[in-house]
Amino acid sequence: MPKNKTHKGTKKRVKVTATGKLMKKRAFGSHLLTKKSANRKRKIRKALVVCASDQGRLRHLLGR
């Protein structure tokens, strides 16, 4: 059985923590920031834990 290749796009967007959680960047933080409140932009800056329903698919793409 051959090894699974890592999906490079997923590897760039998702980080695995030391405890095995998957972290991703929040959406809506790249442009049109003048209309967004400071509170909203501050929340966008923080990383987000990937929801449980997506974790299996992303782990498969990462080859884990």
N, C-alpha and C. Protein backbone atom coordinates (compact mmCIF):
# COMPACT_ATOMS: atom_id res chain seq x y z
N MET A 1 0.85 -1.18 0.00
CA MET A 1 0.00 0.00 0.00
C MET A 1 0.90 1.25 0.00
N PRO A 2 0.72 2.17 -0.98
CA PRO A 2 1.58 3.36 -1.01
C PRO A 2 1.20 4.37 0.07
N LYS A 3 2.13 5.22 0.37
CA LYS A 3 1.87 6.28 1.36
C LYS A 3 0.95 7.33 0.76
N ASN A 4 0.19 8.01 1.63
CA ASN A 4 -0.66 9.11 1.17
C ASN A 4 0.16 10.38 1.11
N LYS A 5 -0.06 11.16 0.05
CA LYS A 5 0.64 12.44 -0.07
C LYS A 5 -0.11 13.51 0.71
N THR A 6 0.65 14.44 1.26
CA THR A 6 0.07 15.58 1.96
C THR A 6 -0.50 16.55 0.94
N HIS A 7 -1.70 17.06 1.19
CA HIS A 7 -2.30 18.08 0.33
C HIS A 7 -1.67 19.41 0.71
N LYS A 8 -0.90 19.99 -0.21
CA LYS A 8 -0.09 21.16 0.11
C LYS A 8 -0.92 22.40 0.44
N GLY A 9 -2.09 22.55 -0.20
CA GLY A 9 -2.95 23.69 0.10
C GLY A 9 -3.47 23.63 1.52
N THR A 10 -3.83 22.43 1.97
CA THR A 10 -4.31 22.25 3.33
C THR A 10 -3.17 22.48 4.32
N LYS A 11 -2.00 22.01 3.98
CA LYS A 11 -0.84 22.16 4.86
C LYS A 11 -0.52 23.63 5.13
N LYS A 12 -0.75 24.49 4.11
CA LYS A 12 -0.47 25.92 4.27
C LYS A 12 -1.53 26.62 5.10
N ARG A 13 -2.74 26.08 5.15
CA ARG A 13 -3.85 26.76 5.79
C ARG A 13 -4.19 26.24 7.18
N VAL A 14 -3.79 25.02 7.50
CA VAL A 14 -4.15 24.39 8.77
C VAL A 14 -2.90 23.99 9.53
N LYS A 15 -2.84 24.35 10.80
CA LYS A 15 -1.71 23.97 11.65
C LYS A 15 -2.18 22.97 12.70
N VAL A 16 -1.32 22.00 13.01
CA VAL A 16 -1.62 21.02 14.04
C VAL A 16 -0.89 21.42 15.31
N THR A 17 -1.61 21.52 16.43
CA THR A 17 -0.99 21.90 17.70
C THR A 17 -0.30 20.69 18.32
N ALA A 18 0.42 20.92 19.41
CA ALA A 18 1.14 19.84 20.08
C ALA A 18 0.18 18.80 20.64
N THR A 19 -1.05 19.23 21.00
CA THR A 19 -2.03 18.28 21.54
C THR A 19 -2.86 17.61 20.45
N GLY A 20 -2.62 18.00 19.17
CA GLY A 20 -3.31 17.34 18.07
C GLY A 20 -4.51 18.09 17.52
N LYS A 21 -4.82 19.27 18.07
CA LYS A 21 -5.94 20.06 17.54
C LYS A 21 -5.54 20.69 16.21
N LEU A 22 -6.53 20.96 15.38
CA LEU A 22 -6.29 21.63 14.10
C LEU A 22 -6.73 23.08 14.23
N MET A 23 -5.84 24.00 13.87
CA MET A 23 -6.12 25.43 13.96
C MET A 23 -6.12 26.02 12.56
N LYS A 24 -7.04 26.99 12.33
CA LYS A 24 -7.11 27.66 11.04
C LYS A 24 -7.30 29.15 11.26
N LYS A 25 -7.06 29.93 10.22
CA LYS A 25 -7.26 31.37 10.25
C LYS A 25 -8.74 31.65 10.00
N ARG A 26 -9.28 32.67 10.66
CA ARG A 26 -10.68 33.03 10.44
C ARG A 26 -10.85 33.72 9.09
N ALA A 27 -12.04 33.66 8.55
CA ALA A 27 -12.35 34.29 7.28
C ALA A 27 -12.64 35.78 7.47
N PHE A 28 -12.73 36.51 6.38
CA PHE A 28 -13.14 37.93 6.30
C PHE A 28 -12.10 38.89 6.87
N GLY A 29 -10.82 38.53 6.92
CA GLY A 29 -9.84 39.44 7.50
C GLY A 29 -8.83 39.99 6.52
N SER A 30 -9.06 39.84 5.22
CA SER A 30 -8.04 40.24 4.27
C SER A 30 -8.29 41.60 3.62
N HIS A 31 -9.54 41.98 3.39
CA HIS A 31 -9.80 43.27 2.74
C HIS A 31 -11.15 43.83 3.20
N LEU A 32 -11.45 45.05 2.78
CA LEU A 32 -12.66 45.79 3.19
C LEU A 32 -12.76 45.90 4.71
N LEU A 33 -11.65 46.29 5.33
CA LEU A 33 -11.59 46.32 6.79
C LEU A 33 -12.08 47.63 7.39
N THR A 34 -12.27 48.68 6.57
CA THR A 34 -12.67 49.97 7.13
C THR A 34 -14.10 49.93 7.66
N LYS A 35 -14.96 49.15 7.04
CA LYS A 35 -16.35 49.08 7.50
C LYS A 35 -16.55 48.15 8.69
N LYS A 36 -15.55 47.35 9.02
CA LYS A 36 -15.66 46.41 10.14
C LYS A 36 -15.21 47.09 11.42
N SER A 37 -15.89 46.78 12.51
CA SER A 37 -15.56 47.41 13.79
C SER A 37 -14.23 46.85 14.32
N ALA A 38 -13.63 47.61 15.23
CA ALA A 38 -12.36 47.19 15.82
C ALA A 38 -12.52 45.88 16.58
N ASN A 39 -13.66 45.72 17.23
CA ASN A 39 -13.93 44.50 17.98
C ASN A 39 -13.99 43.29 17.05
N ARG A 40 -14.65 43.47 15.92
CA ARG A 40 -14.77 42.38 14.93
C ARG A 40 -13.41 42.03 14.33
N LYS A 41 -12.61 43.06 14.01
CA LYS A 41 -11.28 42.82 13.43
C LYS A 41 -10.36 42.12 14.42
N ARG A 42 -10.49 42.46 15.71
CA ARG A 42 -9.67 41.82 16.73
C ARG A 42 -10.01 40.34 16.85
N LYS A 43 -11.30 40.01 16.74
CA LYS A 43 -11.72 38.60 16.78
C LYS A 43 -11.23 37.84 15.56
N ILE A 44 -11.20 38.51 14.40
CA ILE A 44 -10.76 37.87 13.16
C ILE A 44 -9.28 37.51 13.23
N ARG A 45 -8.49 38.32 13.95
CA ARG A 45 -7.05 38.06 14.04
C ARG A 45 -6.71 36.75 14.72
N LYS A 46 -7.53 36.33 15.66
CA LYS A 46 -7.23 35.12 16.43
C LYS A 46 -7.50 33.86 15.61
N ALA A 47 -6.72 32.84 15.85
CA ALA A 47 -6.91 31.55 15.17
C ALA A 47 -8.12 30.83 15.75
N LEU A 48 -8.63 29.87 15.00
CA LEU A 48 -9.86 29.20 15.36
C LEU A 48 -9.63 27.69 15.30
N VAL A 49 -10.17 26.95 16.26
CA VAL A 49 -10.08 25.49 16.24
C VAL A 49 -11.07 24.98 15.19
N VAL A 50 -10.62 24.07 14.35
CA VAL A 50 -11.47 23.51 13.31
C VAL A 50 -12.58 22.68 13.96
N CYS A 51 -13.82 22.80 13.45
CA CYS A 51 -14.93 22.08 14.05
C CYS A 51 -14.77 20.57 13.85
N ALA A 52 -15.40 19.80 14.71
CA ALA A 52 -15.22 18.34 14.75
C ALA A 52 -15.64 17.66 13.46
N SER A 53 -16.66 18.20 12.78
CA SER A 53 -17.14 17.56 11.56
C SER A 53 -16.15 17.67 10.41
N ASP A 54 -15.26 18.67 10.44
CA ASP A 54 -14.26 18.84 9.38
C ASP A 54 -12.92 18.20 9.71
N GLN A 55 -12.70 17.85 10.98
CA GLN A 55 -11.37 17.39 11.39
C GLN A 55 -10.93 16.11 10.69
N GLY A 56 -11.83 15.15 10.54
CA GLY A 56 -11.45 13.89 9.91
C GLY A 56 -11.00 14.08 8.48
N ARG A 57 -11.74 14.91 7.74
CA ARG A 57 -11.40 15.18 6.34
C ARG A 57 -10.05 15.88 6.23
N LEU A 58 -9.81 16.86 7.10
CA LEU A 58 -8.57 17.60 7.04
C LEU A 58 -7.38 16.74 7.48
N ARG A 59 -7.58 15.88 8.47
CA ARG A 59 -6.49 14.98 8.87
C ARG A 59 -6.12 14.03 7.73
N HIS A 60 -7.12 13.58 6.99
CA HIS A 60 -6.86 12.70 5.85
C HIS A 60 -6.04 13.45 4.79
N LEU A 61 -6.38 14.73 4.54
CA LEU A 61 -5.64 15.52 3.56
C LEU A 61 -4.21 15.81 4.03
N LEU A 62 -4.03 15.89 5.34
CA LEU A 62 -2.70 16.15 5.89
C LEU A 62 -1.87 14.87 6.00
N GLY A 63 -2.48 13.72 5.74
CA GLY A 63 -1.75 12.47 5.81
C GLY A 63 -1.53 11.99 7.22
N ARG A 64 -2.46 12.31 8.14
CA ARG A 64 -2.31 11.90 9.54
C ARG A 64 -3.36 10.90 9.91
